[in-house]
């Protein structure tokens, strides 16, 4: 049996991929490494505003409640660009 993402999970995946492609490309990782910085604080702020930092947190506590499947979608998107991110 194949695993199928819900429509909301697909939207999260697409949003995470678009963000990573636009804001967290490999070139950004290289630039941060050259400067001796761990991650881009402005990009992290945007990720938090998009709700990526709260995917594991239930909605009743202010998160988006996507659970581990949602976190997986965000991490997979960032892994595609080798993003420097404090999401974990």
PDB file of N, CA and C in Angstrom:
ATOM      1  N   UNK A   1       0.837  -1.178   0.000  1.00  0.00           N
ATOM      2  CA  UNK A   1       0.000   0.000   0.000  1.00  0.00           C
ATOM      3  C   UNK A   1       0.886   1.246   0.000  1.00  0.00           C
ATOM      4  N   UNK A   2       0.633   2.150  -0.896  1.00  0.00           N
ATOM      5  CA  UNK A   2       1.421   3.379  -1.024  1.00  0.00           C
ATOM      6  C   UNK A   2       0.904   4.441  -0.061  1.00  0.00           C
ATOM      7  N   UNK A   3       1.826   5.225   0.446  1.00  0.00           N
ATOM      8  CA  UNK A   3       1.464   6.343   1.319  1.00  0.00           C
ATOM      9  C   UNK A   3       1.088   7.536   0.456  1.00  0.00           C
ATOM     10  N   UNK A   4      -0.038   8.159   0.759  1.00  0.00           N
ATOM     11  CA  UNK A   4      -0.520   9.296  -0.008  1.00  0.00           C
ATOM     12  C   UNK A   4      -0.671  10.491   0.926  1.00  0.00           C
ATOM     13  N   UNK A   5      -0.080  11.616   0.532  1.00  0.00           N
ATOM     14  CA  UNK A   5      -0.207  12.840   1.320  1.00  0.00           C
ATOM     15  C   UNK A   5      -1.602  13.426   1.155  1.00  0.00           C
ATOM     16  N   UNK A   6      -2.102  14.021   2.225  1.00  0.00           N
ATOM     17  CA  UNK A   6      -3.371  14.736   2.144  1.00  0.00           C
ATOM     18  C   UNK A   6      -3.147  16.017   1.336  1.00  0.00           C
ATOM     19  N   UNK A   7      -4.214  16.675   0.984  1.00  0.00           N
ATOM     20  CA  UNK A   7      -4.104  17.921   0.225  1.00  0.00           C
ATOM     21  C   UNK A   7      -3.334  18.972   1.024  1.00  0.00           C
ATOM     22  N   UNK A   8      -3.592  19.066   2.330  1.00  0.00           N
ATOM     23  CA  UNK A   8      -2.871  20.025   3.174  1.00  0.00           C
ATOM     24  C   UNK A   8      -1.388  19.683   3.259  1.00  0.00           C
ATOM     25  N   UNK A   9      -1.067  18.400   3.365  1.00  0.00           N
ATOM     26  CA  UNK A   9       0.328  17.982   3.407  1.00  0.00           C
ATOM     27  C   UNK A   9       1.034  18.275   2.086  1.00  0.00           C
ATOM     28  N   UNK A  10       0.329  18.116   0.987  1.00  0.00           N
ATOM     29  CA  UNK A  10       0.898  18.446  -0.322  1.00  0.00           C
ATOM     30  C   UNK A  10       1.171  19.939  -0.423  1.00  0.00           C
ATOM     31  N   UNK A  11       0.260  20.749   0.111  1.00  0.00           N
ATOM     32  CA  UNK A  11       0.457  22.201   0.097  1.00  0.00           C
ATOM     33  C   UNK A  11       1.672  22.585   0.946  1.00  0.00           C
ATOM     34  N   UNK A  12       1.827  21.947   2.106  1.00  0.00           N
ATOM     35  CA  UNK A  12       2.993  22.194   2.949  1.00  0.00           C
ATOM     36  C   UNK A  12       4.265  21.806   2.200  1.00  0.00           C
ATOM     37  N   UNK A  13       4.266  20.638   1.575  1.00  0.00           N
ATOM     38  CA  UNK A  13       5.418  20.180   0.802  1.00  0.00           C
ATOM     39  C   UNK A  13       5.780  21.177  -0.289  1.00  0.00           C
ATOM     40  N   UNK A  14       4.783  21.614  -1.038  1.00  0.00           N
ATOM     41  CA  UNK A  14       5.026  22.549  -2.137  1.00  0.00           C
ATOM     42  C   UNK A  14       5.551  23.884  -1.622  1.00  0.00           C
ATOM     43  N   UNK A  15       4.991  24.352  -0.525  1.00  0.00           N
ATOM     44  CA  UNK A  15       5.440  25.606   0.082  1.00  0.00           C
ATOM     45  C   UNK A  15       6.871  25.479   0.588  1.00  0.00           C
ATOM     46  N   UNK A  16       7.179  24.370   1.244  1.00  0.00           N
ATOM     47  CA  UNK A  16       8.529  24.151   1.767  1.00  0.00           C
ATOM     48  C   UNK A  16       9.544  24.045   0.631  1.00  0.00           C
ATOM     49  N   UNK A  17       9.179  23.369  -0.444  1.00  0.00           N
ATOM     50  CA  UNK A  17      10.080  23.239  -1.591  1.00  0.00           C
ATOM     51  C   UNK A  17      10.340  24.588  -2.251  1.00  0.00           C
ATOM     52  N   UNK A  18       9.273  25.355  -2.455  1.00  0.00           N
ATOM     53  CA  UNK A  18       9.425  26.668  -3.090  1.00  0.00           C
ATOM     54  C   UNK A  18      10.297  27.581  -2.230  1.00  0.00           C
ATOM     55  N   UNK A  19      10.069  27.549  -0.920  1.00  0.00           N
ATOM     56  CA  UNK A  19      10.860  28.378  -0.017  1.00  0.00           C
ATOM     57  C   UNK A  19      12.325  27.961  -0.050  1.00  0.00           C
ATOM     58  N   UNK A  20      12.584  26.673   0.051  1.00  0.00           N
ATOM     59  CA  UNK A  20      13.966  26.187   0.046  1.00  0.00           C
ATOM     60  C   UNK A  20      14.662  26.525  -1.267  1.00  0.00           C
ATOM     61  N   UNK A  21      13.970  26.346  -2.374  1.00  0.00           N
ATOM     62  CA  UNK A  21      14.562  26.653  -3.680  1.00  0.00           C
ATOM     63  C   UNK A  21      14.895  28.135  -3.800  1.00  0.00           C
ATOM     64  N   UNK A  22      14.005  28.992  -3.307  1.00  0.00           N
ATOM     65  CA  UNK A  22      14.186  30.438  -3.456  1.00  0.00           C
ATOM     66  C   UNK A  22      15.106  31.033  -2.396  1.00  0.00           C
ATOM     67  N   UNK A  23      14.921  30.635  -1.142  1.00  0.00           N
ATOM     68  CA  UNK A  23      15.616  31.301  -0.033  1.00  0.00           C
ATOM     69  C   UNK A  23      16.792  30.525   0.550  1.00  0.00           C
ATOM     70  N   UNK A  24      16.878  29.220   0.275  1.00  0.00           N
ATOM     71  CA  UNK A  24      17.915  28.391   0.901  1.00  0.00           C
ATOM     72  C   UNK A  24      18.697  27.565  -0.122  1.00  0.00           C
ATOM     73  N   UNK A  25      19.162  28.184  -1.202  1.00  0.00           N
ATOM     74  CA  UNK A  25      19.903  27.412  -2.208  1.00  0.00           C
ATOM     75  C   UNK A  25      21.283  26.999  -1.690  1.00  0.00           C
ATOM     76  N   UNK A  26      21.916  26.091  -2.390  1.00  0.00           N
ATOM     77  CA  UNK A  26      23.255  25.629  -2.018  1.00  0.00           C
ATOM     78  C   UNK A  26      24.226  26.812  -1.962  1.00  0.00           C
ATOM     79  N   UNK A  27      24.067  27.772  -2.848  1.00  0.00           N
ATOM     80  CA  UNK A  27      24.963  28.939  -2.852  1.00  0.00           C
ATOM     81  C   UNK A  27      24.891  29.695  -1.524  1.00  0.00           C
ATOM     82  N   UNK A  28      23.707  29.706  -0.895  1.00  0.00           N
ATOM     83  CA  UNK A  28      23.576  30.370   0.399  1.00  0.00           C
ATOM     84  C   UNK A  28      24.361  29.610   1.460  1.00  0.00           C
ATOM     85  N   UNK A  29      24.293  28.286   1.436  1.00  0.00           N
ATOM     86  CA  UNK A  29      25.063  27.476   2.378  1.00  0.00           C
ATOM     87  C   UNK A  29      26.557  27.772   2.233  1.00  0.00           C
ATOM     88  N   UNK A  30      27.021  27.832   1.012  1.00  0.00           N
ATOM     89  CA  UNK A  30      28.443  28.115   0.773  1.00  0.00           C
ATOM     90  C   UNK A  30      28.828  29.499   1.288  1.00  0.00           C
ATOM     91  N   UNK A  31      27.971  30.484   1.069  1.00  0.00           N
ATOM     92  CA  UNK A  31      28.256  31.843   1.545  1.00  0.00           C
ATOM     93  C   UNK A  31      28.280  31.889   3.078  1.00  0.00           C
ATOM     94  N   UNK A  32      27.339  31.215   3.711  1.00  0.00           N
ATOM     95  CA  UNK A  32      27.317  31.178   5.175  1.00  0.00           C
ATOM     96  C   UNK A  32      28.569  30.491   5.712  1.00  0.00           C
ATOM     97  N   UNK A  33      28.944  29.407   5.083  1.00  0.00           N
ATOM     98  CA  UNK A  33      30.147  28.669   5.501  1.00  0.00           C
ATOM     99  C   UNK A  33      31.384  29.550   5.381  1.00  0.00           C
ATOM    100  N   UNK A  34      31.479  30.307   4.289  1.00  0.00           N
ATOM    101  CA  UNK A  34      32.627  31.184   4.071  1.00  0.00           C
ATOM    102  C   UNK A  34      32.701  32.284   5.138  1.00  0.00           C
ATOM    103  N   UNK A  35      31.548  32.742   5.605  1.00  0.00           N
ATOM    104  CA  UNK A  35      31.492  33.781   6.637  1.00  0.00           C
ATOM    105  C   UNK A  35      31.638  33.207   8.048  1.00  0.00           C
ATOM    106  N   UNK A  36      31.559  31.892   8.163  1.00  0.00           N
ATOM    107  CA  UNK A  36      31.626  31.268   9.474  1.00  0.00           C
ATOM    108  C   UNK A  36      30.317  31.356  10.239  1.00  0.00           C
ATOM    109  N   UNK A  37      29.218  31.536   9.520  1.00  0.00           N
ATOM    110  CA  UNK A  37      27.890  31.631  10.137  1.00  0.00           C
ATOM    111  C   UNK A  37      27.169  30.289  10.005  1.00  0.00           C
ATOM    112  N   UNK A  38      26.328  29.983  10.997  1.00  0.00           N
ATOM    113  CA  UNK A  38      25.622  28.709  10.988  1.00  0.00           C
ATOM    114  C   UNK A  38      24.370  28.688  10.140  1.00  0.00           C
ATOM    115  N   UNK A  39      23.611  29.790  10.158  1.00  0.00           N
ATOM    116  CA  UNK A  39      22.381  29.859   9.381  1.00  0.00           C
ATOM    117  C   UNK A  39      21.988  31.309   9.168  1.00  0.00           C
ATOM    118  N   UNK A  40      21.080  31.537   8.228  1.00  0.00           N
ATOM    119  CA  UNK A  40      20.577  32.863   7.899  1.00  0.00           C
ATOM    120  C   UNK A  40      19.411  33.192   8.836  1.00  0.00           C
ATOM    121  N   UNK A  41      19.607  34.151   9.727  1.00  0.00           N
ATOM    122  CA  UNK A  41      18.576  34.490  10.711  1.00  0.00           C
ATOM    123  C   UNK A  41      17.314  35.053  10.057  1.00  0.00           C
ATOM    124  N   UNK A  42      17.457  35.794   8.976  1.00  0.00           N
ATOM    125  CA  UNK A  42      16.287  36.346   8.281  1.00  0.00           C
ATOM    126  C   UNK A  42      15.467  35.216   7.646  1.00  0.00           C
ATOM    127  N   UNK A  43      16.158  34.242   7.060  1.00  0.00           N
ATOM    128  CA  UNK A  43      15.451  33.103   6.462  1.00  0.00           C
ATOM    129  C   UNK A  43      14.753  32.293   7.545  1.00  0.00           C
ATOM    130  N   UNK A  44      15.399  32.120   8.693  1.00  0.00           N
ATOM    131  CA  UNK A  44      14.787  31.386   9.804  1.00  0.00           C
ATOM    132  C   UNK A  44      13.527  32.100  10.276  1.00  0.00           C
ATOM    133  N   UNK A  45      13.572  33.413  10.352  1.00  0.00           N
ATOM    134  CA  UNK A  45      12.387  34.191  10.754  1.00  0.00           C
ATOM    135  C   UNK A  45      11.244  33.947   9.769  1.00  0.00           C
ATOM    136  N   UNK A  46      11.549  33.959   8.488  1.00  0.00           N
ATOM    137  CA  UNK A  46      10.528  33.703   7.472  1.00  0.00           C
ATOM    138  C   UNK A  46       9.962  32.291   7.609  1.00  0.00           C
ATOM    139  N   UNK A  47      10.836  31.327   7.898  1.00  0.00           N
ATOM    140  CA  UNK A  47      10.376  29.948   8.072  1.00  0.00           C
ATOM    141  C   UNK A  47       9.404  29.848   9.250  1.00  0.00           C
ATOM    142  N   UNK A  48       9.724  30.553  10.313  1.00  0.00           N
ATOM    143  CA  UNK A  48       8.842  30.551  11.483  1.00  0.00           C
ATOM    144  C   UNK A  48       7.507  31.200  11.136  1.00  0.00           C
ATOM    145  N   UNK A  49       7.547  32.290  10.386  1.00  0.00           N
ATOM    146  CA  UNK A  49       6.321  32.974   9.981  1.00  0.00           C
ATOM    147  C   UNK A  49       5.458  32.091   9.075  1.00  0.00           C
ATOM    148  N   UNK A  50       6.097  31.253   8.275  1.00  0.00           N
ATOM    149  CA  UNK A  50       5.372  30.325   7.404  1.00  0.00           C
ATOM    150  C   UNK A  50       4.836  29.115   8.162  1.00  0.00           C
ATOM    151  N   UNK A  51       5.258  28.976   9.408  1.00  0.00           N
ATOM    152  CA  UNK A  51       4.767  27.878  10.233  1.00  0.00           C
ATOM    153  C   UNK A  51       5.636  26.638  10.223  1.00  0.00           C
ATOM    154  N   UNK A  52       6.777  26.672   9.552  1.00  0.00           N
ATOM    155  CA  UNK A  52       7.633  25.494   9.475  1.00  0.00           C
ATOM    156  C   UNK A  52       8.176  25.096  10.842  1.00  0.00           C
ATOM    157  N   UNK A  53       8.429  26.068  11.699  1.00  0.00           N
ATOM    158  CA  UNK A  53       8.978  25.768  13.031  1.00  0.00           C
ATOM    159  C   UNK A  53       7.948  25.102  13.932  1.00  0.00           C
ATOM    160  N   UNK A  54       6.676  25.192  13.586  1.00  0.00           N
ATOM    161  CA  UNK A  54       5.627  24.643  14.430  1.00  0.00           C
ATOM    162  C   UNK A  54       4.898  23.447  13.866  1.00  0.00           C
ATOM    163  N   UNK A  55       5.499  22.753  12.906  1.00  0.00           N
ATOM    164  CA  UNK A  55       4.793  21.633  12.283  1.00  0.00           C
ATOM    165  C   UNK A  55       4.521  20.492  13.261  1.00  0.00           C
ATOM    166  N   UNK A  56       5.386  20.295  14.234  1.00  0.00           N
ATOM    167  CA  UNK A  56       5.182  19.215  15.211  1.00  0.00           C
ATOM    168  C   UNK A  56       4.246  19.618  16.344  1.00  0.00           C
ATOM    169  N   UNK A  57       4.033  20.891  16.516  1.00  0.00           N
ATOM    170  CA  UNK A  57       3.248  21.393  17.645  1.00  0.00           C
ATOM    171  C   UNK A  57       1.759  21.367  17.289  1.00  0.00           C
ATOM    172  N   UNK A  58       0.931  20.781  18.160  1.00  0.00           N
ATOM    173  CA  UNK A  58      -0.517  20.743  17.891  1.00  0.00           C
ATOM    174  C   UNK A  58      -1.108  22.154  17.773  1.00  0.00           C
ATOM    175  N   UNK A  59      -2.170  22.258  17.003  1.00  0.00           N
ATOM    176  CA  UNK A  59      -2.813  23.548  16.770  1.00  0.00           C
ATOM    177  C   UNK A  59      -3.271  24.224  18.052  1.00  0.00           C
ATOM    178  N   UNK A  60      -3.753  23.438  19.025  1.00  0.00           N
ATOM    179  CA  UNK A  60      -4.245  24.040  20.259  1.00  0.00           C
ATOM    180  C   UNK A  60      -3.135  24.719  21.066  1.00  0.00           C
ATOM    181  N   UNK A  61      -1.882  24.448  20.714  1.00  0.00           N
ATOM    182  CA  UNK A  61      -0.751  25.086  21.384  1.00  0.00           C
ATOM    183  C   UNK A  61      -0.035  26.087  20.475  1.00  0.00           C
ATOM    184  N   UNK A  62      -0.670  26.459  19.373  1.00  0.00           N
ATOM    185  CA  UNK A  62      -0.128  27.479  18.480  1.00  0.00           C
ATOM    186  C   UNK A  62       0.665  26.973  17.298  1.00  0.00           C
ATOM    187  N   UNK A  63       0.764  25.669  17.142  1.00  0.00           N
ATOM    188  CA  UNK A  63       1.483  25.107  15.998  1.00  0.00           C
ATOM    189  C   UNK A  63       0.556  24.843  14.833  1.00  0.00           C
ATOM    190  N   UNK A  64       1.083  24.173  13.837  1.00  0.00           N
ATOM    191  CA  UNK A  64       0.252  23.854  12.674  1.00  0.00           C
ATOM    192  C   UNK A  64      -0.231  22.412  12.696  1.00  0.00           C
ATOM    193  N   UNK A  65       0.281  21.600  13.627  1.00  0.00           N
ATOM    194  CA  UNK A  65      -0.242  20.258  13.834  1.00  0.00           C
ATOM    195  C   UNK A  65      -0.040  19.268  12.703  1.00  0.00           C
ATOM    196  N   UNK A  66       1.002  19.419  11.921  1.00  0.00           N
ATOM    197  CA  UNK A  66       1.242  18.483  10.820  1.00  0.00           C
ATOM    198  C   UNK A  66       1.938  17.211  11.273  1.00  0.00           C
ATOM    199  N   UNK A  67       2.516  17.230  12.459  1.00  0.00           N
ATOM    200  CA  UNK A  67       3.180  16.042  12.979  1.00  0.00           C
ATOM    201  C   UNK A  67       4.451  15.709  12.229  1.00  0.00           C
ATOM    202  N   UNK A  68       4.865  14.448  12.385  1.00  0.00           N
ATOM    203  CA  UNK A  68       6.127  14.011  11.792  1.00  0.00           C
ATOM    204  C   UNK A  68       6.078  13.951  10.268  1.00  0.00           C
ATOM    205  N   UNK A  69       4.917  13.717   9.717  1.00  0.00           N
ATOM    206  CA  UNK A  69       4.800  13.727   8.251  1.00  0.00           C
ATOM    207  C   UNK A  69       5.082  15.135   7.729  1.00  0.00           C
ATOM    208  N   UNK A  70       4.539  16.136   8.391  1.00  0.00           N
ATOM    209  CA  UNK A  70       4.791  17.525   7.995  1.00  0.00           C
ATOM    210  C   UNK A  70       6.248  17.901   8.164  1.00  0.00           C
ATOM    211  N   UNK A  71       6.826  17.505   9.297  1.00  0.00           N
ATOM    212  CA  UNK A  71       8.244  17.784   9.512  1.00  0.00           C
ATOM    213  C   UNK A  71       9.072  17.113   8.426  1.00  0.00           C
ATOM    214  N   UNK A  72       8.701  15.914   8.063  1.00  0.00           N
ATOM    215  CA  UNK A  72       9.403  15.209   6.993  1.00  0.00           C
ATOM    216  C   UNK A  72       9.355  15.965   5.679  1.00  0.00           C
ATOM    217  N   UNK A  73       8.216  16.571   5.382  1.00  0.00           N
ATOM    218  CA  UNK A  73       8.089  17.334   4.142  1.00  0.00           C
ATOM    219  C   UNK A  73       9.012  18.554   4.148  1.00  0.00           C
ATOM    220  N   UNK A  74       9.068  19.237   5.291  1.00  0.00           N
ATOM    221  CA  UNK A  74       9.928  20.420   5.422  1.00  0.00           C
ATOM    222  C   UNK A  74      11.401  20.009   5.341  1.00  0.00           C
ATOM    223  N   UNK A  75      11.770  18.953   6.055  1.00  0.00           N
ATOM    224  CA  UNK A  75      13.160  18.512   6.055  1.00  0.00           C
ATOM    225  C   UNK A  75      13.595  17.986   4.687  1.00  0.00           C
ATOM    226  N   UNK A  76      12.699  17.287   4.004  1.00  0.00           N
ATOM    227  CA  UNK A  76      13.030  16.795   2.661  1.00  0.00           C
ATOM    228  C   UNK A  76      13.284  17.960   1.713  1.00  0.00           C
ATOM    229  N   UNK A  77      12.436  18.983   1.790  1.00  0.00           N
ATOM    230  CA  UNK A  77      12.606  20.158   0.933  1.00  0.00           C
ATOM    231  C   UNK A  77      13.944  20.834   1.207  1.00  0.00           C
ATOM    232  N   UNK A  78      14.296  20.948   2.487  1.00  0.00           N
ATOM    233  CA  UNK A  78      15.565  21.586   2.834  1.00  0.00           C
ATOM    234  C   UNK A  78      16.752  20.705   2.489  1.00  0.00           C
ATOM    235  N   UNK A  79      16.571  19.410   2.566  1.00  0.00           N
ATOM    236  CA  UNK A  79      17.636  18.492   2.185  1.00  0.00           C
ATOM    237  C   UNK A  79      17.960  18.573   0.705  1.00  0.00           C
ATOM    238  N   UNK A  80      16.961  18.884  -0.098  1.00  0.00           N
ATOM    239  CA  UNK A  80      17.168  18.995  -1.544  1.00  0.00           C
ATOM    240  C   UNK A  80      18.128  20.122  -1.891  1.00  0.00           C
ATOM    241  N   UNK A  81      18.188  21.163  -1.047  1.00  0.00           N
ATOM    242  CA  UNK A  81      19.071  22.320  -1.301  1.00  0.00           C
ATOM    243  C   UNK A  81      20.231  22.382  -0.317  1.00  0.00           C
ATOM    244  N   UNK A  82      20.375  21.371   0.531  1.00  0.00           N
ATOM    245  CA  UNK A  82      21.388  21.323   1.575  1.00  0.00           C
ATOM    246  C   UNK A  82      21.316  22.604   2.411  1.00  0.00           C
ATOM    247  N   UNK A  83      20.120  22.911   2.864  1.00  0.00           N
ATOM    248  CA  UNK A  83      19.861  24.145   3.605  1.00  0.00           C
ATOM    249  C   UNK A  83      20.553  24.160   4.956  1.00  0.00           C
ATOM    250  N   UNK A  84      21.078  25.319   5.308  1.00  0.00           N
ATOM    251  CA  UNK A  84      21.606  25.544   6.656  1.00  0.00           C
ATOM    252  C   UNK A  84      20.445  26.106   7.471  1.00  0.00           C
ATOM    253  N   UNK A  85      19.860  25.260   8.313  1.00  0.00           N
ATOM    254  CA  UNK A  85      18.650  25.650   9.022  1.00  0.00           C
ATOM    255  C   UNK A  85      18.616  25.024  10.417  1.00  0.00           C
ATOM    256  N   UNK A  86      18.123  25.756  11.411  1.00  0.00           N
ATOM    257  CA  UNK A  86      18.010  25.211  12.765  1.00  0.00           C
ATOM    258  C   UNK A  86      16.651  24.547  13.016  1.00  0.00           C
ATOM    259  N   UNK A  87      15.991  24.051  11.993  1.00  0.00           N
ATOM    260  CA  UNK A  87      14.636  23.520  12.135  1.00  0.00           C
ATOM    261  C   UNK A  87      14.569  22.382  13.149  1.00  0.00           C
ATOM    262  N   UNK A  88      15.590  21.584  13.283  1.00  0.00           N
ATOM    263  CA  UNK A  88      15.574  20.495  14.261  1.00  0.00           C
ATOM    264  C   UNK A  88      15.946  21.073  15.577  1.00  0.00           C
TER     265      UNK A  88
END
